[in-house]
Amino acid sequence: MRTVGFIGVGVMGKSMVRNLMKAGFEVSVYTRTKSKVEDVIGEGAVWENSVAACAANKDAVITIVGYPKDVEEVYFGDAGIINASKKGAFLIDMTTSDPDIAKRIYAEAAEKGISTLDAPVSGGDVGAKNGTLAIMVGGDKEAFESCLPLFEAMGKTIVHGGPAGCGQHTKMANQIALGGCISGLCEAIAYAGKTGLDVKTMLDTISQGAAGSWQMINTAPRILSGDFNPGFFIKHYIKDLHIALAQASTEGLELSVTALVASMYEDLADRKMLGDLGTQALIKRYLPED
């Protein structure tokens, strides 16, 4: 496996492309705006002018796009990835998307002799840059094993969770847990500030105990420095939470904390127009002046 088509080269995708090239893969890229990927083209990626061209004759095709509707757009139809890919190719959707779409991609690709994996990631822009992403994979075990060299170029924690859709379900569990972590961190920072504590000293103290978390180590410094650039967009996290809530509803499960966190992010995106900021901007819900 040497040739890879990569579709959707955004905040995280760009670093993932670089890490694949560092590992020796020949990477072709497609994104809606070529000017945004001129840097990785200059570093050796090959530009393709359409989704179909990027998928054609590649050993593997990786996608990481924005929303479930974007996944459907690039995979299905006459000009989609499934139709354009060669028999025996591996299609890997790393978008956080609907588990039901992952199952549909699996079924339609299998009819053409194509293997698919749903493999959403966690770790944000930092994990993508450092090649330390957590990669949650659903699909056939044989396909997972064949694609391990690709995953190992981009991530550190790589786990096969079961058949098609299981990668997405695992990512939903991740996003559910994340909501409580981010909101709890923001509430702790807001509380410390309002009660006169030195916020950094407080965080240095509690991060060494039971409250310590990845968010406290990686996200808190961004909040304190006023850096709200997206490692992960608020608007995309809202999408993820709605997928999780919909899937939970079909199982008769109420996720009250997840619903509350989703509503807070929706307020920031809709009323305050902050959907293009990173998820750490939830602090603005508690400290509007920051």
C-alpha atoms as a PDB file:
ATOM      1  CA  MET A   1       0.000   0.000   0.000  1.00  0.00           C
ATOM      2  CA  ARG A   2       1.726   3.151  -1.215  1.00  0.00           C
ATOM      3  CA  THR A   3      -0.743   5.506  -2.895  1.00  0.00           C
ATOM      4  CA  VAL A   4      -3.246   7.415  -0.798  1.00  0.00           C
ATOM      5  CA  GLY A   5      -5.981   9.849  -1.777  1.00  0.00           C
ATOM      6  CA  PHE A   6      -6.808  12.320   0.996  1.00  0.00           C
ATOM      7  CA  ILE A   7     -10.032  14.309   0.762  1.00  0.00           C
ATOM      8  CA  GLY A   8     -10.714  17.154   3.177  1.00  0.00           C
ATOM      9  CA  VAL A   9      -7.464  18.851   4.141  1.00  0.00           C
ATOM     10  CA  GLY A  10      -8.503  21.137   6.985  1.00  0.00           C
ATOM     11  CA  VAL A  11      -7.122  22.025  10.407  1.00  0.00           C
ATOM     12  CA  MET A  12      -6.349  18.417  11.284  1.00  0.00           C
ATOM     13  CA  GLY A  13      -6.168  16.914   7.805  1.00  0.00           C
ATOM     14  CA  LYS A  14      -3.189  18.996   6.768  1.00  0.00           C
ATOM     15  CA  SER A  15      -1.017  17.611   9.560  1.00  0.00           C
ATOM     16  CA  MET A  16      -2.273  14.093   8.857  1.00  0.00           C
ATOM     17  CA  VAL A  17      -1.217  14.445   5.213  1.00  0.00           C
ATOM     18  CA  ARG A  18       2.221  15.601   6.289  1.00  0.00           C
ATOM     19  CA  ASN A  19       2.645  12.643   8.615  1.00  0.00           C
ATOM     20  CA  LEU A  20       1.592  10.204   5.893  1.00  0.00           C
ATOM     21  CA  MET A  21       4.174  11.693   3.541  1.00  0.00           C
ATOM     22  CA  LYS A  22       6.843  11.504   6.252  1.00  0.00           C
ATOM     23  CA  ALA A  23       6.025   7.802   6.564  1.00  0.00           C
ATOM     24  CA  GLY A  24       6.705   7.327   2.847  1.00  0.00           C
ATOM     25  CA  PHE A  25       3.200   7.264   1.379  1.00  0.00           C
ATOM     26  CA  GLU A  26       2.493   8.973  -1.934  1.00  0.00           C
ATOM     27  CA  VAL A  27      -0.390  11.286  -1.090  1.00  0.00           C
ATOM     28  CA  SER A  28      -2.790  12.977  -3.476  1.00  0.00           C
ATOM     29  CA  VAL A  29      -5.138  15.611  -2.049  1.00  0.00           C
ATOM     30  CA  TYR A  30      -8.427  17.253  -2.875  1.00  0.00           C
ATOM     31  CA  THR A  31     -10.242  19.995  -1.031  1.00  0.00           C
ATOM     32  CA  ARG A  32     -12.781  22.563  -2.177  1.00  0.00           C
ATOM     33  CA  THR A  33     -10.295  25.447  -2.079  1.00  0.00           C
ATOM     34  CA  LYS A  34      -6.921  24.657  -3.616  1.00  0.00           C
ATOM     35  CA  SER A  35      -5.285  27.809  -2.260  1.00  0.00           C
ATOM     36  CA  LYS A  36      -5.677  26.477   1.282  1.00  0.00           C
ATOM     37  CA  VAL A  37      -3.421  23.485   0.550  1.00  0.00           C
ATOM     38  CA  GLU A  38      -0.691  25.114  -1.533  1.00  0.00           C
ATOM     39  CA  ASP A  39       1.718  24.548   1.360  1.00  0.00           C
ATOM     40  CA  VAL A  40       1.288  20.759   1.461  1.00  0.00           C
ATOM     41  CA  ILE A  41       1.360  20.651  -2.349  1.00  0.00           C
ATOM     42  CA  GLY A  42       4.705  22.432  -2.141  1.00  0.00           C
ATOM     43  CA  GLU A  43       5.855  19.792   0.325  1.00  0.00           C
ATOM     44  CA  GLY A  44       5.104  16.939  -2.059  1.00  0.00           C
ATOM     45  CA  ALA A  45       1.377  16.212  -2.051  1.00  0.00           C
ATOM     46  CA  VAL A  46      -0.199  15.841  -5.507  1.00  0.00           C
ATOM     47  CA  TRP A  47      -3.242  17.998  -6.240  1.00  0.00           C
ATOM     48  CA  GLU A  48      -6.302  16.360  -7.823  1.00  0.00           C
ATOM     49  CA  ASN A  49      -9.127  18.492  -9.196  1.00  0.00           C
ATOM     50  CA  SER A  50     -12.065  16.367  -8.050  1.00  0.00           C
ATOM     51  CA  VAL A  51     -13.164  13.786  -5.494  1.00  0.00           C
ATOM     52  CA  ALA A  52     -13.308  11.096  -8.175  1.00  0.00           C
ATOM     53  CA  ALA A  53      -9.810  11.880  -9.469  1.00  0.00           C
ATOM     54  CA  CYS A  54      -8.406  11.782  -5.938  1.00  0.00           C
ATOM     55  CA  ALA A  55      -9.947   8.348  -5.355  1.00  0.00           C
ATOM     56  CA  ALA A  56      -9.154   6.764  -8.728  1.00  0.00           C
ATOM     57  CA  ASN A  57      -6.471   4.058  -8.754  1.00  0.00           C
ATOM     58  CA  LYS A  58      -5.408   4.680  -5.145  1.00  0.00           C
ATOM     59  CA  ASP A  59      -4.586   1.882  -2.745  1.00  0.00           C
ATOM     60  CA  ALA A  60      -6.409   3.755   0.007  1.00  0.00           C
ATOM     61  CA  VAL A  61      -8.652   6.798   0.218  1.00  0.00           C
ATOM     62  CA  ILE A  62      -8.973   8.789   3.441  1.00  0.00           C
ATOM     63  CA  THR A  63     -11.680  11.355   4.099  1.00  0.00           C
ATOM     64  CA  ILE A  64     -12.044  13.839   6.928  1.00  0.00           C
ATOM     65  CA  VAL A  65     -14.747  16.325   6.000  1.00  0.00           C
ATOM     66  CA  GLY A  66     -17.131  18.458   8.026  1.00  0.00           C
ATOM     67  CA  TYR A  67     -20.604  17.014   8.389  1.00  0.00           C
ATOM     68  CA  PRO A  68     -22.524  13.801   7.686  1.00  0.00           C
ATOM     69  CA  LYS A  69     -24.035  15.435   4.582  1.00  0.00           C
ATOM     70  CA  ASP A  70     -20.487  16.044   3.316  1.00  0.00           C
ATOM     71  CA  VAL A  71     -19.630  12.385   3.886  1.00  0.00           C
ATOM     72  CA  GLU A  72     -22.658  11.346   1.846  1.00  0.00           C
ATOM     73  CA  GLU A  73     -21.741  13.824  -0.886  1.00  0.00           C
ATOM     74  CA  VAL A  74     -18.190  12.556  -1.355  1.00  0.00           C
ATOM     75  CA  TYR A  75     -18.925   8.819  -1.082  1.00  0.00           C
ATOM     76  CA  PHE A  76     -22.130   8.256  -3.018  1.00  0.00           C
ATOM     77  CA  GLY A  77     -23.274   8.901  -6.577  1.00  0.00           C
ATOM     78  CA  ASP A  78     -21.631   8.544  -9.966  1.00  0.00           C
ATOM     79  CA  ALA A  79     -18.820  10.971  -9.081  1.00  0.00           C
ATOM     80  CA  GLY A  80     -18.380   9.664  -5.555  1.00  0.00           C
ATOM     81  CA  ILE A  81     -15.531   7.779  -3.956  1.00  0.00           C
ATOM     82  CA  ILE A  82     -17.170   4.360  -4.013  1.00  0.00           C
ATOM     83  CA  ASN A  83     -17.826   4.523  -7.740  1.00  0.00           C
ATOM     84  CA  ALA A  84     -14.384   5.977  -8.533  1.00  0.00           C
ATOM     85  CA  SER A  85     -12.271   3.612  -6.434  1.00  0.00           C
ATOM     86  CA  LYS A  86     -10.640   0.487  -7.773  1.00  0.00           C
ATOM     87  CA  LYS A  87     -11.586  -2.996  -6.646  1.00  0.00           C
ATOM     88  CA  GLY A  88      -9.500  -3.967  -3.644  1.00  0.00           C
ATOM     89  CA  ALA A  89      -9.042  -0.408  -2.410  1.00  0.00           C
ATOM     90  CA  PHE A  90      -9.483   0.591   1.220  1.00  0.00           C
ATOM     91  CA  LEU A  91     -11.771   3.527   2.018  1.00  0.00           C
ATOM     92  CA  ILE A  92     -11.289   5.124   5.422  1.00  0.00           C
ATOM     93  CA  ASP A  93     -13.674   7.801   6.666  1.00  0.00           C
ATOM     94  CA  MET A  94     -12.050   9.668   9.556  1.00  0.00           C
ATOM     95  CA  THR A  95     -14.819  12.251   9.804  1.00  0.00           C
ATOM     96  CA  THR A  96     -16.849  12.166  12.997  1.00  0.00           C
ATOM     97  CA  SER A  97     -20.133  11.187  11.422  1.00  0.00           C
ATOM     98  CA  ASP A  98     -23.330   9.177  11.769  1.00  0.00           C
ATOM     99  CA  PRO A  99     -22.783   5.448  12.481  1.00  0.00           C
ATOM    100  CA  ASP A 100     -25.659   4.633  10.115  1.00  0.00           C
ATOM    101  CA  ILE A 101     -23.821   6.333   7.236  1.00  0.00           C
ATOM    102  CA  ALA A 102     -20.724   4.256   8.029  1.00  0.00           C
ATOM    103  CA  LYS A 103     -22.818   1.102   7.736  1.00  0.00           C
ATOM    104  CA  ARG A 104     -24.255   2.262   4.401  1.00  0.00           C
ATOM    105  CA  ILE A 105     -20.782   3.023   3.012  1.00  0.00           C
ATOM    106  CA  TYR A 106     -19.629  -0.423   4.125  1.00  0.00           C
ATOM    107  CA  ALA A 107     -22.540  -2.193   2.437  1.00  0.00           C
ATOM    108  CA  GLU A 108     -22.361  -0.327  -0.882  1.00  0.00           C
ATOM    109  CA  ALA A 109     -18.571  -0.566  -1.145  1.00  0.00           C
ATOM    110  CA  ALA A 110     -18.591  -4.284  -0.359  1.00  0.00           C
ATOM    111  CA  GLU A 111     -20.765  -4.882  -3.424  1.00  0.00           C
ATOM    112  CA  LYS A 112     -17.885  -3.522  -5.529  1.00  0.00           C
ATOM    113  CA  GLY A 113     -15.157  -5.496  -3.763  1.00  0.00           C
ATOM    114  CA  ILE A 114     -13.961  -2.474  -1.783  1.00  0.00           C
ATOM    115  CA  SER A 115     -13.147  -2.525   1.936  1.00  0.00           C
ATOM    116  CA  THR A 116     -14.186   0.322   4.215  1.00  0.00           C
ATOM    117  CA  LEU A 117     -13.409   1.468   7.743  1.00  0.00           C
ATOM    118  CA  ASP A 118     -14.983   4.198   9.838  1.00  0.00           C
ATOM    119  CA  ALA A 119     -12.094   5.650  11.833  1.00  0.00           C
ATOM    120  CA  PRO A 120     -12.854   8.955  13.564  1.00  0.00           C
ATOM    121  CA  VAL A 121     -10.088  10.507  15.614  1.00  0.00           C
ATOM    122  CA  SER A 122      -9.538  12.396  18.842  1.00  0.00           C
ATOM    123  CA  GLY A 123      -6.659  14.640  19.815  1.00  0.00           C
ATOM    124  CA  GLY A 124      -7.365  17.850  17.936  1.00  0.00           C
ATOM    125  CA  ASP A 125      -4.827  19.877  16.020  1.00  0.00           C
ATOM    126  CA  VAL A 126      -2.061  19.070  18.522  1.00  0.00           C
ATOM    127  CA  GLY A 127      -2.542  15.318  18.162  1.00  0.00           C
ATOM    128  CA  ALA A 128      -2.739  15.597  14.383  1.00  0.00           C
ATOM    129  CA  LYS A 129       0.497  17.592  14.238  1.00  0.00           C
ATOM    130  CA  ASN A 130       2.381  15.278  16.593  1.00  0.00           C
ATOM    131  CA  GLY A 131       1.038  12.063  15.058  1.00  0.00           C
ATOM    132  CA  THR A 132      -0.469  11.039  18.406  1.00  0.00           C
ATOM    133  CA  LEU A 133      -4.155  10.897  17.508  1.00  0.00           C
ATOM    134  CA  ALA A 134      -6.445   8.342  19.100  1.00  0.00           C
ATOM    135  CA  ILE A 135      -8.043   6.458  16.202  1.00  0.00           C
ATOM    136  CA  MET A 136     -11.296   4.551  16.789  1.00  0.00           C
ATOM    137  CA  VAL A 137     -11.954   2.030  14.047  1.00  0.00           C
ATOM    138  CA  GLY A 138     -14.997   0.097  12.916  1.00  0.00           C
ATOM    139  CA  GLY A 139     -15.087  -2.443  10.092  1.00  0.00           C
ATOM    140  CA  ASP A 140     -13.669  -5.853   9.216  1.00  0.00           C
ATOM    141  CA  LYS A 141     -10.656  -6.897  11.288  1.00  0.00           C
ATOM    142  CA  GLU A 142      -8.743  -7.926   8.157  1.00  0.00           C
ATOM    143  CA  ALA A 143      -9.172  -4.463   6.631  1.00  0.00           C
ATOM    144  CA  PHE A 144      -8.109  -2.870   9.915  1.00  0.00           C
ATOM    145  CA  GLU A 145      -4.914  -4.910   9.974  1.00  0.00           C
ATOM    146  CA  SER A 146      -4.135  -4.056   6.346  1.00  0.00           C
ATOM    147  CA  CYS A 147      -4.496  -0.337   7.099  1.00  0.00           C
ATOM    148  CA  LEU A 148      -2.469  -0.289  10.316  1.00  0.00           C
ATOM    149  CA  PRO A 149       0.588   1.296   8.629  1.00  0.00           C
ATOM    150  CA  LEU A 150      -1.599   4.235   7.615  1.00  0.00           C
ATOM    151  CA  PHE A 151      -3.033   4.616  11.099  1.00  0.00           C
ATOM    152  CA  GLU A 152       0.375   4.296  12.728  1.00  0.00           C
ATOM    153  CA  ALA A 153       1.623   7.228  10.636  1.00  0.00           C
ATOM    154  CA  MET A 154      -1.105   9.446  12.089  1.00  0.00           C
ATOM    155  CA  GLY A 155      -1.886   8.165  15.545  1.00  0.00           C
ATOM    156  CA  LYS A 156      -0.661   6.523  18.718  1.00  0.00           C
ATOM    157  CA  THR A 157      -3.728   4.874  20.254  1.00  0.00           C
ATOM    158  CA  ILE A 158      -5.290   2.755  17.502  1.00  0.00           C
ATOM    159  CA  VAL A 159      -8.141   0.455  18.460  1.00  0.00           C
ATOM    160  CA  HIS A 160     -10.444  -1.772  16.430  1.00  0.00           C
ATOM    161  CA  GLY A 161     -13.828  -1.542  18.147  1.00  0.00           C
ATOM    162  CA  GLY A 162     -15.896  -3.953  16.069  1.00  0.00           C
ATOM    163  CA  PRO A 163     -17.866  -4.026  12.816  1.00  0.00           C
ATOM    164  CA  ALA A 164     -18.873  -1.064  10.642  1.00  0.00           C
ATOM    165  CA  GLY A 165     -20.232   1.815  12.703  1.00  0.00           C
ATOM    166  CA  CYS A 166     -18.366   0.899  15.883  1.00  0.00           C
ATOM    167  CA  GLY A 167     -15.660   3.496  15.262  1.00  0.00           C
ATOM    168  CA  GLN A 168     -18.324   6.187  15.101  1.00  0.00           C
ATOM    169  CA  HIS A 169     -20.108   4.874  18.184  1.00  0.00           C
ATOM    170  CA  THR A 170     -16.810   4.937  20.088  1.00  0.00           C
ATOM    171  CA  LYS A 171     -16.234   8.527  18.980  1.00  0.00           C
ATOM    172  CA  MET A 172     -19.727   9.439  20.161  1.00  0.00           C
ATOM    173  CA  ALA A 173     -18.847   8.057  23.598  1.00  0.00           C
ATOM    174  CA  ASN A 174     -15.670  10.168  23.461  1.00  0.00           C
ATOM    175  CA  GLN A 175     -17.613  13.317  22.594  1.00  0.00           C
ATOM    176  CA  ILE A 176     -20.158  12.634  25.334  1.00  0.00           C
ATOM    177  CA  ALA A 177     -17.387  12.310  27.942  1.00  0.00           C
ATOM    178  CA  LEU A 178     -15.605  15.355  26.536  1.00  0.00           C
ATOM    179  CA  GLY A 179     -18.576  17.636  27.143  1.00  0.00           C
ATOM    180  CA  GLY A 180     -18.444  17.096  30.872  1.00  0.00           C
ATOM    181  CA  CYS A 181     -14.656  17.576  30.922  1.00  0.00           C
ATOM    182  CA  ILE A 182     -14.683  20.881  29.032  1.00  0.00           C
ATOM    183  CA  SER A 183     -17.643  22.348  30.896  1.00  0.00           C
ATOM    184  CA  GLY A 184     -16.222  21.214  34.239  1.00  0.00           C
ATOM    185  CA  LEU A 185     -12.870  22.816  33.424  1.00  0.00           C
ATOM    186  CA  CYS A 186     -14.527  26.085  32.412  1.00  0.00           C
ATOM    187  CA  GLU A 187     -16.659  26.129  35.547  1.00  0.00           C
ATOM    188  CA  ALA A 188     -13.586  25.527  37.733  1.00  0.00           C
ATOM    189  CA  ILE A 189     -11.732  28.388  36.033  1.00  0.00           C
ATOM    190  CA  ALA A 190     -14.745  30.702  36.369  1.00  0.00           C
ATOM    191  CA  TYR A 191     -15.203  29.783  40.029  1.00  0.00           C
ATOM    192  CA  ALA A 192     -11.525  30.279  40.840  1.00  0.00           C
ATOM    193  CA  GLY A 193     -11.481  33.676  39.182  1.00  0.00           C
ATOM    194  CA  LYS A 194     -14.620  34.901  40.926  1.00  0.00           C
ATOM    195  CA  THR A 195     -13.427  33.766  44.369  1.00  0.00           C
ATOM    196  CA  GLY A 196     -10.057  35.495  44.074  1.00  0.00           C
ATOM    197  CA  LEU A 197      -7.828  32.496  43.474  1.00  0.00           C
ATOM    198  CA  ASP A 198      -4.859  32.632  41.165  1.00  0.00           C
ATOM    199  CA  VAL A 199      -6.301  30.503  38.368  1.00  0.00           C
ATOM    200  CA  LYS A 200      -3.005  29.059  37.162  1.00  0.00           C
ATOM    201  CA  THR A 201      -1.987  28.071  40.690  1.00  0.00           C
ATOM    202  CA  MET A 202      -5.353  26.408  41.166  1.00  0.00           C
ATOM    203  CA  LEU A 203      -4.995  24.439  37.939  1.00  0.00           C
ATOM    204  CA  ASP A 204      -1.421  23.412  38.757  1.00  0.00           C
ATOM    205  CA  THR A 205      -2.693  22.115  42.085  1.00  0.00           C
ATOM    206  CA  ILE A 206      -5.791  20.172  41.066  1.00  0.00           C
ATOM    207  CA  SER A 207      -4.285  18.802  37.843  1.00  0.00           C
ATOM    208  CA  GLN A 208      -2.118  16.524  39.983  1.00  0.00           C
ATOM    209  CA  GLY A 209      -5.108  14.892  41.660  1.00  0.00           C
ATOM    210  CA  ALA A 210      -8.322  13.130  40.721  1.00  0.00           C
ATOM    211  CA  ALA A 211      -9.532  16.133  38.683  1.00  0.00           C
ATOM    212  CA  GLY A 212      -6.554  16.002  36.335  1.00  0.00           C
ATOM    213  CA  SER A 213      -7.309  15.454  32.644  1.00  0.00           C
ATOM    214  CA  TRP A 214      -6.051  15.919  29.094  1.00  0.00           C
ATOM    215  CA  GLN A 215      -8.279  18.987  28.856  1.00  0.00           C
ATOM    216  CA  MET A 216      -6.705  20.497  31.956  1.00  0.00           C
ATOM    217  CA  ILE A 217      -3.194  19.999  30.592  1.00  0.00           C
ATOM    218  CA  ASN A 218      -3.814  20.996  26.962  1.00  0.00           C
ATOM    219  CA  THR A 219      -6.914  23.190  26.863  1.00  0.00           C
ATOM    220  CA  ALA A 220      -6.567  25.202  30.075  1.00  0.00           C
ATOM    221  CA  PRO A 221      -3.366  26.990  28.914  1.00  0.00           C
ATOM    222  CA  ARG A 222      -5.205  28.109  25.770  1.00  0.00           C
ATOM    223  CA  ILE A 223      -8.048  29.495  27.832  1.00  0.00           C
ATOM    224  CA  LEU A 224      -5.700  31.364  30.155  1.00  0.00           C
ATOM    225  CA  SER A 225      -3.782  32.892  27.247  1.00  0.00           C
ATOM    226  CA  GLY A 226      -6.971  33.920  25.428  1.00  0.00           C
ATOM    227  CA  ASP A 227      -6.228  31.572  22.538  1.00  0.00           C
ATOM    228  CA  PHE A 228      -9.566  30.542  21.068  1.00  0.00           C
ATOM    229  CA  ASN A 229      -8.269  29.379  17.698  1.00  0.00           C
ATOM    230  CA  PRO A 230      -9.848  26.077  16.709  1.00  0.00           C
ATOM    231  CA  GLY A 231      -8.117  22.841  17.505  1.00  0.00           C
ATOM    232  CA  PHE A 232     -11.673  21.648  17.025  1.00  0.00           C
ATOM    233  CA  PHE A 233     -14.506  23.937  15.889  1.00  0.00           C
ATOM    234  CA  ILE A 234     -17.494  24.651  18.121  1.00  0.00           C
ATOM    235  CA  LYS A 235     -19.762  24.201  15.094  1.00  0.00           C
ATOM    236  CA  HIS A 236     -18.397  20.700  14.490  1.00  0.00           C
ATOM    237  CA  TYR A 237     -18.708  19.749  18.141  1.00  0.00           C
ATOM    238  CA  ILE A 238     -22.366  20.786  18.102  1.00  0.00           C
ATOM    239  CA  LYS A 239     -22.809  18.450  15.132  1.00  0.00           C
ATOM    240  CA  ASP A 240     -21.185  15.612  17.060  1.00  0.00           C
ATOM    241  CA  LEU A 241     -23.333  16.140  20.135  1.00  0.00           C
ATOM    242  CA  HIS A 242     -26.500  16.087  18.050  1.00  0.00           C
ATOM    243  CA  ILE A 243     -25.433  12.782  16.469  1.00  0.00           C
ATOM    244  CA  ALA A 244     -24.773  11.359  19.940  1.00  0.00           C
ATOM    245  CA  LEU A 245     -28.124  12.574  21.262  1.00  0.00           C
ATOM    246  CA  ALA A 246     -29.982  11.156  18.265  1.00  0.00           C
ATOM    247  CA  GLN A 247     -28.287   7.777  18.592  1.00  0.00           C
ATOM    248  CA  ALA A 248     -28.995   7.714  22.337  1.00  0.00           C
ATOM    249  CA  SER A 249     -32.635   8.561  21.705  1.00  0.00           C
ATOM    250  CA  THR A 250     -33.045   5.560  19.410  1.00  0.00           C
ATOM    251  CA  GLU A 251     -31.816   3.412  22.304  1.00  0.00           C
ATOM    252  CA  GLY A 252     -34.203   5.028  24.786  1.00  0.00           C
ATOM    253  CA  LEU A 253     -31.311   6.671  26.635  1.00  0.00           C
ATOM    254  CA  GLU A 254     -31.416  10.185  28.105  1.00  0.00           C
ATOM    255  CA  LEU A 255     -28.120  12.096  28.123  1.00  0.00           C
ATOM    256  CA  SER A 256     -28.994  15.122  30.232  1.00  0.00           C
ATOM    257  CA  VAL A 257     -25.458  16.500  30.662  1.00  0.00           C
ATOM    258  CA  THR A 258     -24.720  16.115  26.951  1.00  0.00           C
ATOM    259  CA  ALA A 259     -27.950  17.922  26.090  1.00  0.00           C
ATOM    260  CA  LEU A 260     -27.057  20.787  28.445  1.00  0.00           C
ATOM    261  CA  VAL A 261     -23.532  21.151  27.040  1.00  0.00           C
ATOM    262  CA  ALA A 262     -24.941  21.097  23.504  1.00  0.00           C
ATOM    263  CA  SER A 263     -27.356  23.900  24.379  1.00  0.00           C
ATOM    264  CA  MET A 264     -24.534  26.028  25.788  1.00  0.00           C
ATOM    265  CA  TYR A 265     -22.466  25.610  22.652  1.00  0.00           C
ATOM    266  CA  GLU A 266     -25.509  26.347  20.497  1.00  0.00           C
ATOM    267  CA  ASP A 267     -25.969  29.610  22.380  1.00  0.00           C
ATOM    268  CA  LEU A 268     -22.384  30.591  21.620  1.00  0.00           C
ATOM    269  CA  ALA A 269     -22.743  29.650  17.953  1.00  0.00           C
ATOM    270  CA  ASP A 270     -26.206  31.054  17.279  1.00  0.00           C
ATOM    271  CA  ARG A 271     -26.566  34.070  19.536  1.00  0.00           C
ATOM    272  CA  LYS A 272     -22.921  35.120  19.812  1.00  0.00           C
ATOM    273  CA  MET A 273     -21.749  33.898  16.385  1.00  0.00           C
ATOM    274  CA  LEU A 274     -18.747  32.041  17.791  1.00  0.00           C
ATOM    275  CA  GLY A 275     -19.134  28.739  15.950  1.00  0.00           C
ATOM    276  CA  ASP A 276     -15.769  29.095  14.214  1.00  0.00           C
ATOM    277  CA  LEU A 277     -13.851  29.300  17.483  1.00  0.00           C
ATOM    278  CA  GLY A 278     -12.362  26.305  19.260  1.00  0.00           C
ATOM    279  CA  THR A 279     -14.289  24.363  21.876  1.00  0.00           C
ATOM    280  CA  GLN A 280     -12.249  26.020  24.649  1.00  0.00           C
ATOM    281  CA  ALA A 281     -14.277  29.175  23.946  1.00  0.00           C
ATOM    282  CA  LEU A 282     -16.997  27.675  26.152  1.00  0.00           C
ATOM    283  CA  ILE A 283     -15.364  29.780  28.878  1.00  0.00           C
ATOM    284  CA  LYS A 284     -17.124  32.748  27.246  1.00  0.00           C
ATOM    285  CA  ARG A 285     -20.401  31.226  28.417  1.00  0.00           C
ATOM    286  CA  TYR A 286     -19.205  31.713  31.993  1.00  0.00           C
ATOM    287  CA  LEU A 287     -16.979  34.773  31.630  1.00  0.00           C
ATOM    288  CA  PRO A 288     -18.489  36.772  28.736  1.00  0.00           C
ATOM    289  CA  GLU A 289     -15.955  39.569  29.062  1.00  0.00           C
ATOM    290  CA  ASP A 290     -13.025  37.211  28.310  1.00  0.00           C
END
